[in-house]
Amino acid sequence: MARTPTPTWTFALVVVKSGRKVALVRDPKDGVAWSLPGGRVEPGEELLAAARRMAHAEVGVPVELEGLLRVQHTLVDGGEARLRICVVARPADDRPLKLQADEHSLAAQWFTREQVPTVALAGRDVKQFVDLALDGPMYPLSLLTWER
């Protein structure tokens, strides 16, 4: 008997770091809180390509992905699910972060670990992911593979 597929929303988050600083962005929907760059993966888009695309669009610089922090799967109301990956990246070059607000983010700024808890954050997981990226284990990107 065939089963109905579970609708799953897939998201990618990116901790862009340079030394002991991380880049946070202001989401245009909120305008106040700082968050990690990221968002929903488009249909047919590969997870890591989505992470690179969103980080570049929101932070304003191209990034090189370095490792995987977390893979989270959460059941939500209505029988749907959320799959979320969080990766660590570094700027691909030394150009400054985004200077002009646009539809992807209002601002991008470097923060030290000590500064992160002093600003309005989009959620408590922002600080958790920052702490993991600075001190926690990072896993190889090769853990995310295509099923063949």
N, C-alpha and C. Protein backbone atom coordinates (compact mmCIF):
# COMPACT_ATOMS: atom_id res chain seq x y z
N MET A 1 0.84 -1.17 0.00
CA MET A 1 0.00 0.00 0.00
C MET A 1 0.89 1.24 0.00
N ALA A 2 0.62 2.16 -0.92
CA ALA A 2 1.41 3.39 -1.04
C ALA A 2 1.08 4.34 0.11
N ARG A 3 2.12 4.98 0.61
CA ARG A 3 1.92 5.96 1.67
C ARG A 3 1.99 7.36 1.09
N THR A 4 1.28 8.27 1.71
CA THR A 4 1.31 9.67 1.31
C THR A 4 2.62 10.28 1.79
N PRO A 5 3.35 10.99 0.91
CA PRO A 5 4.61 11.61 1.36
C PRO A 5 4.36 12.69 2.40
N THR A 6 5.31 12.86 3.29
CA THR A 6 5.24 13.91 4.30
C THR A 6 5.75 15.21 3.69
N PRO A 7 4.91 16.24 3.63
CA PRO A 7 5.41 17.53 3.13
C PRO A 7 6.53 18.03 4.04
N THR A 8 7.67 18.35 3.44
CA THR A 8 8.84 18.77 4.21
C THR A 8 9.39 20.08 3.66
N TRP A 9 9.53 21.05 4.54
CA TRP A 9 10.15 22.32 4.20
C TRP A 9 11.62 22.21 4.56
N THR A 10 12.50 22.59 3.63
CA THR A 10 13.93 22.45 3.83
C THR A 10 14.58 23.82 3.91
N PHE A 11 15.42 24.01 4.91
CA PHE A 11 16.07 25.30 5.15
C PHE A 11 17.58 25.11 5.31
N ALA A 12 18.33 26.13 4.97
CA ALA A 12 19.78 26.15 5.20
C ALA A 12 20.13 27.42 5.96
N LEU A 13 20.94 27.28 6.99
CA LEU A 13 21.47 28.41 7.76
C LEU A 13 22.99 28.39 7.64
N VAL A 14 23.59 29.56 7.66
CA VAL A 14 25.04 29.65 7.48
C VAL A 14 25.64 30.54 8.56
N VAL A 15 26.63 30.02 9.27
CA VAL A 15 27.43 30.85 10.17
C VAL A 15 28.67 31.24 9.37
N VAL A 16 28.70 32.51 8.94
CA VAL A 16 29.86 33.02 8.21
C VAL A 16 30.80 33.58 9.26
N LYS A 17 32.01 33.03 9.31
CA LYS A 17 32.94 33.51 10.34
C LYS A 17 34.26 33.91 9.72
N SER A 18 34.88 34.85 10.40
CA SER A 18 36.22 35.31 10.04
C SER A 18 36.97 35.43 11.35
N GLY A 19 37.90 34.53 11.56
CA GLY A 19 38.58 34.48 12.85
C GLY A 19 37.58 34.17 13.94
N ARG A 20 37.48 35.04 14.94
CA ARG A 20 36.56 34.84 16.06
C ARG A 20 35.31 35.72 15.94
N LYS A 21 35.04 36.22 14.74
CA LYS A 21 33.84 37.03 14.50
C LYS A 21 32.91 36.29 13.56
N VAL A 22 31.60 36.58 13.73
CA VAL A 22 30.59 35.99 12.85
C VAL A 22 29.76 37.11 12.23
N ALA A 23 29.27 36.86 11.03
CA ALA A 23 28.44 37.83 10.34
C ALA A 23 26.97 37.53 10.63
N LEU A 24 26.26 38.53 11.12
CA LEU A 24 24.82 38.42 11.31
C LEU A 24 24.15 39.42 10.38
N VAL A 25 22.89 39.13 10.05
CA VAL A 25 22.15 39.98 9.12
C VAL A 25 20.83 40.41 9.74
N ARG A 26 20.34 41.53 9.26
CA ARG A 26 19.00 41.99 9.65
C ARG A 26 18.04 41.61 8.53
N ASP A 27 17.03 40.85 8.91
CA ASP A 27 16.03 40.39 7.96
C ASP A 27 15.09 41.53 7.60
N PRO A 28 14.78 41.72 6.31
CA PRO A 28 13.88 42.81 5.94
C PRO A 28 12.46 42.64 6.46
N LYS A 29 12.05 41.42 6.79
CA LYS A 29 10.69 41.20 7.32
C LYS A 29 10.54 41.78 8.72
N ASP A 30 11.61 41.71 9.50
CA ASP A 30 11.57 42.16 10.89
C ASP A 30 12.19 43.55 11.01
N GLY A 31 13.38 43.72 10.47
CA GLY A 31 14.04 45.02 10.49
C GLY A 31 14.78 45.35 11.76
N VAL A 32 14.61 44.55 12.80
CA VAL A 32 15.23 44.85 14.09
C VAL A 32 16.19 43.74 14.51
N ALA A 33 15.70 42.51 14.52
CA ALA A 33 16.48 41.39 15.04
C ALA A 33 17.58 40.96 14.06
N TRP A 34 18.66 40.49 14.65
CA TRP A 34 19.79 39.96 13.89
C TRP A 34 19.65 38.44 13.80
N SER A 35 20.03 37.89 12.66
CA SER A 35 19.92 36.44 12.47
C SER A 35 21.09 35.94 11.64
N LEU A 36 21.14 34.63 11.50
CA LEU A 36 22.10 34.02 10.59
C LEU A 36 21.56 34.12 9.17
N PRO A 37 22.43 34.27 8.20
CA PRO A 37 21.95 34.22 6.83
C PRO A 37 21.38 32.84 6.54
N GLY A 38 20.35 32.80 5.75
CA GLY A 38 19.76 31.51 5.37
C GLY A 38 18.30 31.65 5.05
N GLY A 39 17.70 30.52 4.75
CA GLY A 39 16.28 30.51 4.43
C GLY A 39 15.90 29.22 3.75
N ARG A 40 14.75 29.25 3.10
CA ARG A 40 14.19 28.04 2.49
C ARG A 40 14.94 27.68 1.21
N VAL A 41 15.21 26.41 1.07
CA VAL A 41 15.83 25.87 -0.12
C VAL A 41 14.77 25.79 -1.21
N GLU A 42 15.11 26.23 -2.41
CA GLU A 42 14.16 26.22 -3.52
C GLU A 42 13.97 24.79 -4.05
N PRO A 43 12.79 24.49 -4.61
CA PRO A 43 12.58 23.16 -5.20
C PRO A 43 13.65 22.86 -6.25
N GLY A 44 14.25 21.69 -6.14
CA GLY A 44 15.29 21.26 -7.07
C GLY A 44 16.67 21.80 -6.77
N GLU A 45 16.81 22.62 -5.73
CA GLU A 45 18.10 23.21 -5.38
C GLU A 45 18.85 22.31 -4.41
N GLU A 46 20.13 22.13 -4.63
CA GLU A 46 20.97 21.33 -3.74
C GLU A 46 21.22 22.12 -2.45
N LEU A 47 21.24 21.42 -1.32
CA LEU A 47 21.36 22.08 -0.01
C LEU A 47 22.56 23.01 0.11
N LEU A 48 23.73 22.53 -0.27
CA LEU A 48 24.93 23.35 -0.10
C LEU A 48 24.95 24.51 -1.08
N ALA A 49 24.41 24.32 -2.26
CA ALA A 49 24.31 25.43 -3.22
C ALA A 49 23.37 26.50 -2.66
N ALA A 50 22.29 26.07 -2.03
CA ALA A 50 21.35 27.02 -1.41
C ALA A 50 22.04 27.80 -0.29
N ALA A 51 22.83 27.12 0.53
CA ALA A 51 23.54 27.80 1.62
C ALA A 51 24.49 28.86 1.06
N ARG A 52 25.25 28.52 0.02
CA ARG A 52 26.16 29.50 -0.59
C ARG A 52 25.38 30.67 -1.18
N ARG A 53 24.30 30.38 -1.89
CA ARG A 53 23.49 31.43 -2.53
C ARG A 53 22.93 32.40 -1.49
N MET A 54 22.34 31.85 -0.42
CA MET A 54 21.71 32.72 0.58
C MET A 54 22.73 33.53 1.36
N ALA A 55 23.86 32.92 1.71
CA ALA A 55 24.89 33.66 2.44
C ALA A 55 25.40 34.82 1.58
N HIS A 56 25.66 34.55 0.32
CA HIS A 56 26.16 35.61 -0.56
C HIS A 56 25.13 36.73 -0.70
N ALA A 57 23.87 36.37 -0.91
CA ALA A 57 22.83 37.38 -1.08
C ALA A 57 22.62 38.22 0.17
N GLU A 58 22.68 37.60 1.34
CA GLU A 58 22.35 38.31 2.57
C GLU A 58 23.55 39.01 3.20
N VAL A 59 24.73 38.41 3.11
CA VAL A 59 25.93 39.00 3.72
C VAL A 59 26.64 39.92 2.73
N GLY A 60 26.47 39.63 1.44
CA GLY A 60 27.05 40.50 0.43
C GLY A 60 28.41 40.10 -0.07
N VAL A 61 28.92 38.96 0.38
CA VAL A 61 30.21 38.47 -0.12
C VAL A 61 30.07 36.98 -0.46
N PRO A 62 30.80 36.52 -1.47
CA PRO A 62 30.79 35.09 -1.75
C PRO A 62 31.45 34.34 -0.59
N VAL A 63 31.00 33.12 -0.34
CA VAL A 63 31.54 32.35 0.78
C VAL A 63 32.03 30.99 0.31
N GLU A 64 32.94 30.44 1.11
CA GLU A 64 33.44 29.08 0.92
C GLU A 64 32.94 28.28 2.11
N LEU A 65 32.18 27.22 1.85
CA LEU A 65 31.67 26.39 2.93
C LEU A 65 32.79 25.56 3.50
N GLU A 66 32.83 25.44 4.84
CA GLU A 66 33.90 24.73 5.52
C GLU A 66 33.45 23.45 6.19
N GLY A 67 32.23 23.43 6.73
CA GLY A 67 31.81 22.23 7.45
C GLY A 67 30.36 22.31 7.85
N LEU A 68 29.89 21.19 8.35
CA LEU A 68 28.50 21.02 8.77
C LEU A 68 28.44 21.09 10.29
N LEU A 69 27.53 21.93 10.80
CA LEU A 69 27.34 22.03 12.26
C LEU A 69 26.23 21.12 12.74
N ARG A 70 25.09 21.19 12.09
CA ARG A 70 23.91 20.45 12.55
C ARG A 70 23.01 20.10 11.38
N VAL A 71 22.29 19.01 11.55
CA VAL A 71 21.15 18.65 10.70
C VAL A 71 19.99 18.43 11.66
N GLN A 72 18.92 19.16 11.47
CA GLN A 72 17.77 19.07 12.37
C GLN A 72 16.52 18.69 11.58
N HIS A 73 15.77 17.77 12.14
CA HIS A 73 14.49 17.36 11.54
C HIS A 73 13.43 17.54 12.61
N THR A 74 12.41 18.35 12.31
CA THR A 74 11.38 18.67 13.29
C THR A 74 10.01 18.43 12.69
N LEU A 75 9.17 17.71 13.42
CA LEU A 75 7.79 17.55 13.00
C LEU A 75 7.01 18.78 13.43
N VAL A 76 6.18 19.29 12.54
CA VAL A 76 5.38 20.47 12.84
C VAL A 76 3.91 20.11 12.71
N ASP A 77 3.05 21.01 13.14
CA ASP A 77 1.61 20.76 13.11
C ASP A 77 1.14 20.40 11.70
N GLY A 78 0.10 19.60 11.64
CA GLY A 78 -0.49 19.26 10.36
C GLY A 78 0.21 18.14 9.63
N GLY A 79 1.11 17.42 10.29
CA GLY A 79 1.78 16.31 9.65
C GLY A 79 2.92 16.71 8.72
N GLU A 80 3.34 17.96 8.78
CA GLU A 80 4.46 18.41 7.97
C GLU A 80 5.75 18.30 8.77
N ALA A 81 6.87 18.50 8.08
CA ALA A 81 8.17 18.42 8.74
C ALA A 81 9.05 19.56 8.25
N ARG A 82 10.05 19.88 9.06
CA ARG A 82 11.06 20.86 8.69
C ARG A 82 12.42 20.19 8.79
N LEU A 83 13.19 20.30 7.74
CA LEU A 83 14.57 19.82 7.71
C LEU A 83 15.45 21.05 7.60
N ARG A 84 16.39 21.18 8.53
CA ARG A 84 17.23 22.36 8.55
C ARG A 84 18.68 21.94 8.72
N ILE A 85 19.55 22.48 7.86
CA ILE A 85 20.98 22.27 8.03
C ILE A 85 21.61 23.58 8.44
N CYS A 86 22.69 23.51 9.20
CA CYS A 86 23.47 24.69 9.54
C CYS A 86 24.92 24.38 9.20
N VAL A 87 25.52 25.23 8.37
CA VAL A 87 26.90 25.04 7.94
C VAL A 87 27.74 26.24 8.36
N VAL A 88 29.05 26.03 8.36
CA VAL A 88 30.01 27.10 8.65
C VAL A 88 30.67 27.48 7.33
N ALA A 89 30.86 28.78 7.15
CA ALA A 89 31.52 29.27 5.94
C ALA A 89 32.48 30.39 6.31
N ARG A 90 33.34 30.71 5.37
CA ARG A 90 34.22 31.87 5.52
C ARG A 90 34.11 32.72 4.27
N PRO A 91 34.37 34.01 4.37
CA PRO A 91 34.34 34.84 3.16
C PRO A 91 35.36 34.33 2.15
N ALA A 92 35.01 34.33 0.89
CA ALA A 92 35.91 33.87 -0.16
C ALA A 92 37.00 34.90 -0.47
N ASP A 93 36.79 36.14 -0.06
CA ASP A 93 37.79 37.19 -0.26
C ASP A 93 37.64 38.20 0.87
N ASP A 94 38.36 39.30 0.78
CA ASP A 94 38.35 40.25 1.90
C ASP A 94 37.54 41.51 1.62
N ARG A 95 36.58 41.44 0.70
CA ARG A 95 35.72 42.62 0.47
C ARG A 95 34.83 42.85 1.69
N PRO A 96 34.35 44.07 1.89
CA PRO A 96 33.50 44.36 3.05
C PRO A 96 32.12 43.71 2.91
N LEU A 97 31.46 43.55 4.06
CA LEU A 97 30.11 43.01 4.05
C LEU A 97 29.17 43.99 3.36
N LYS A 98 27.97 43.53 3.11
CA LYS A 98 26.95 44.31 2.40
C LYS A 98 26.84 45.73 2.93
N LEU A 99 26.82 46.68 2.00
CA LEU A 99 26.72 48.09 2.37
C LEU A 99 25.35 48.67 2.08
N GLN A 100 24.59 48.05 1.17
CA GLN A 100 23.28 48.56 0.77
C GLN A 100 22.19 47.57 1.14
N ALA A 101 21.13 48.05 1.75
CA ALA A 101 19.98 47.19 2.07
C ALA A 101 19.30 46.78 0.76
N ASP A 102 18.74 45.59 0.75
CA ASP A 102 17.96 45.12 -0.39
C ASP A 102 16.93 44.13 0.10
N GLU A 103 16.29 43.41 -0.82
CA GLU A 103 15.23 42.48 -0.43
C GLU A 103 15.75 41.26 0.35
N HIS A 104 17.06 41.03 0.32
CA HIS A 104 17.63 39.87 1.01
C HIS A 104 17.99 40.17 2.47
N SER A 105 18.49 41.36 2.72
CA SER A 105 18.81 41.77 4.09
C SER A 105 18.96 43.28 4.15
N LEU A 106 18.70 43.82 5.33
CA LEU A 106 18.83 45.27 5.53
C LEU A 106 20.25 45.68 5.87
N ALA A 107 20.98 44.77 6.52
CA ALA A 107 22.35 45.06 6.93
C ALA A 107 23.07 43.76 7.23
N ALA A 108 24.37 43.81 7.16
CA ALA A 108 25.22 42.69 7.58
C ALA A 108 26.35 43.29 8.40
N GLN A 109 26.71 42.62 9.49
CA GLN A 109 27.72 43.19 10.38
C GLN A 109 28.47 42.07 11.08
N TRP A 110 29.76 42.31 11.34
CA TRP A 110 30.56 41.36 12.11
C TRP A 110 30.30 41.55 13.60
N PHE A 111 30.22 40.43 14.33
CA PHE A 111 30.02 40.44 15.77
C PHE A 111 30.99 39.47 16.43
N THR A 112 31.51 39.85 17.60
CA THR A 112 32.26 38.91 18.42
C THR A 112 31.26 38.09 19.22
N ARG A 113 31.73 37.02 19.80
CA ARG A 113 30.86 36.20 20.66
C ARG A 113 30.26 37.02 21.79
N GLU A 114 31.05 37.92 22.35
CA GLU A 114 30.58 38.74 23.46
C GLU A 114 29.50 39.73 23.03
N GLN A 115 29.54 40.18 21.80
CA GLN A 115 28.55 41.13 21.30
C GLN A 115 27.22 40.47 20.95
N VAL A 116 27.25 39.21 20.56
CA VAL A 116 26.03 38.54 20.08
C VAL A 116 24.88 38.62 21.09
N PRO A 117 25.09 38.30 22.38
CA PRO A 117 23.95 38.36 23.31
C PRO A 117 23.49 39.78 23.66
N THR A 118 24.21 40.79 23.22
CA THR A 118 23.84 42.17 23.57
C THR A 118 22.90 42.81 22.55
N VAL A 119 22.62 42.11 21.45
CA VAL A 119 21.73 42.65 20.42
C VAL A 119 20.47 41.80 20.33
N ALA A 120 19.42 42.36 19.75
CA ALA A 120 18.18 41.60 19.54
C ALA A 120 18.44 40.51 18.51
N LEU A 121 18.17 39.27 18.90
CA LEU A 121 18.39 38.12 18.01
C LEU A 121 17.05 37.56 17.55
N ALA A 122 17.03 37.01 16.36
CA ALA A 122 15.80 36.46 15.78
C ALA A 122 15.33 35.21 16.53
N GLY A 123 16.21 34.58 17.28
CA GLY A 123 15.85 33.40 18.07
C GLY A 123 17.04 32.96 18.89
N ARG A 124 16.79 32.18 19.92
CA ARG A 124 17.91 31.78 20.78
C ARG A 124 18.86 30.82 20.07
N ASP A 125 18.39 30.19 19.00
CA ASP A 125 19.27 29.28 18.28
C ASP A 125 20.39 30.02 17.56
N VAL A 126 20.25 31.33 17.33
CA VAL A 126 21.32 32.10 16.70
C VAL A 126 22.57 32.02 17.56
N LYS A 127 22.44 32.31 18.84
CA LYS A 127 23.60 32.25 19.74
C LYS A 127 24.13 30.82 19.86
N GLN A 128 23.25 29.84 19.91
CA GLN A 128 23.69 28.44 20.00
C GLN A 128 24.53 28.05 18.79
N PHE A 129 24.09 28.44 17.58
CA PHE A 129 24.85 28.11 16.38
C PHE A 129 26.17 28.88 16.33
N VAL A 130 26.17 30.13 16.79
CA VAL A 130 27.41 30.90 16.84
C VAL A 130 28.41 30.22 17.77
N ASP A 131 27.95 29.83 18.97
CA ASP A 131 28.84 29.15 19.92
C ASP A 131 29.38 27.85 19.33
N LEU A 132 28.53 27.08 18.67
CA LEU A 132 28.98 25.83 18.04
C LEU A 132 30.03 26.11 16.97
N ALA A 133 29.79 27.13 16.16
CA ALA A 133 30.72 27.43 15.07
C ALA A 133 32.08 27.87 15.60
N LEU A 134 32.10 28.56 16.74
CA LEU A 134 33.35 29.05 17.28
C LEU A 134 34.10 27.99 18.10
N ASP A 135 33.37 27.08 18.75
CA ASP A 135 34.03 26.13 19.66
C ASP A 135 33.62 24.67 19.50
N GLY A 136 32.52 24.43 18.87
CA GLY A 136 32.01 23.07 18.83
C GLY A 136 32.60 22.25 17.69
N PRO A 137 32.20 21.01 17.64
CA PRO A 137 32.69 20.17 16.54
C PRO A 137 32.05 20.58 15.21
N MET A 138 32.83 20.47 14.17
CA MET A 138 32.34 20.72 12.82
C MET A 138 32.57 19.43 12.04
N TYR A 139 31.59 19.06 11.24
CA TYR A 139 31.63 17.79 10.53
C TYR A 139 31.86 18.02 9.04
N PRO A 140 32.41 17.02 8.36
CA PRO A 140 32.69 17.20 6.93
C PRO A 140 31.41 17.42 6.12
N LEU A 141 31.52 18.30 5.13
CA LEU A 141 30.38 18.54 4.24
C LEU A 141 29.98 17.29 3.48
N SER A 142 30.90 16.36 3.35
CA SER A 142 30.62 15.12 2.63
C SER A 142 29.57 14.26 3.32
N LEU A 143 29.20 14.60 4.56
CA LEU A 143 28.09 13.88 5.20
C LEU A 143 26.79 14.11 4.47
N LEU A 144 26.67 15.25 3.79
CA LEU A 144 25.47 15.54 2.99
C LEU A 144 25.74 15.03 1.58
N THR A 145 25.14 13.93 1.24
CA THR A 145 25.34 13.34 -0.08
C THR A 145 24.01 13.09 -0.75
N TRP A 146 24.06 12.91 -2.05
CA TRP A 146 22.87 12.56 -2.81
C TRP A 146 22.57 11.08 -2.63
N GLU A 147 21.32 10.75 -2.48
CA GLU A 147 20.91 9.35 -2.44
C GLU A 147 20.91 8.84 -3.87
N ARG A 148 21.62 7.77 -4.11
CA ARG A 148 21.71 7.24 -5.48
C ARG A 148 21.38 5.77 -5.48
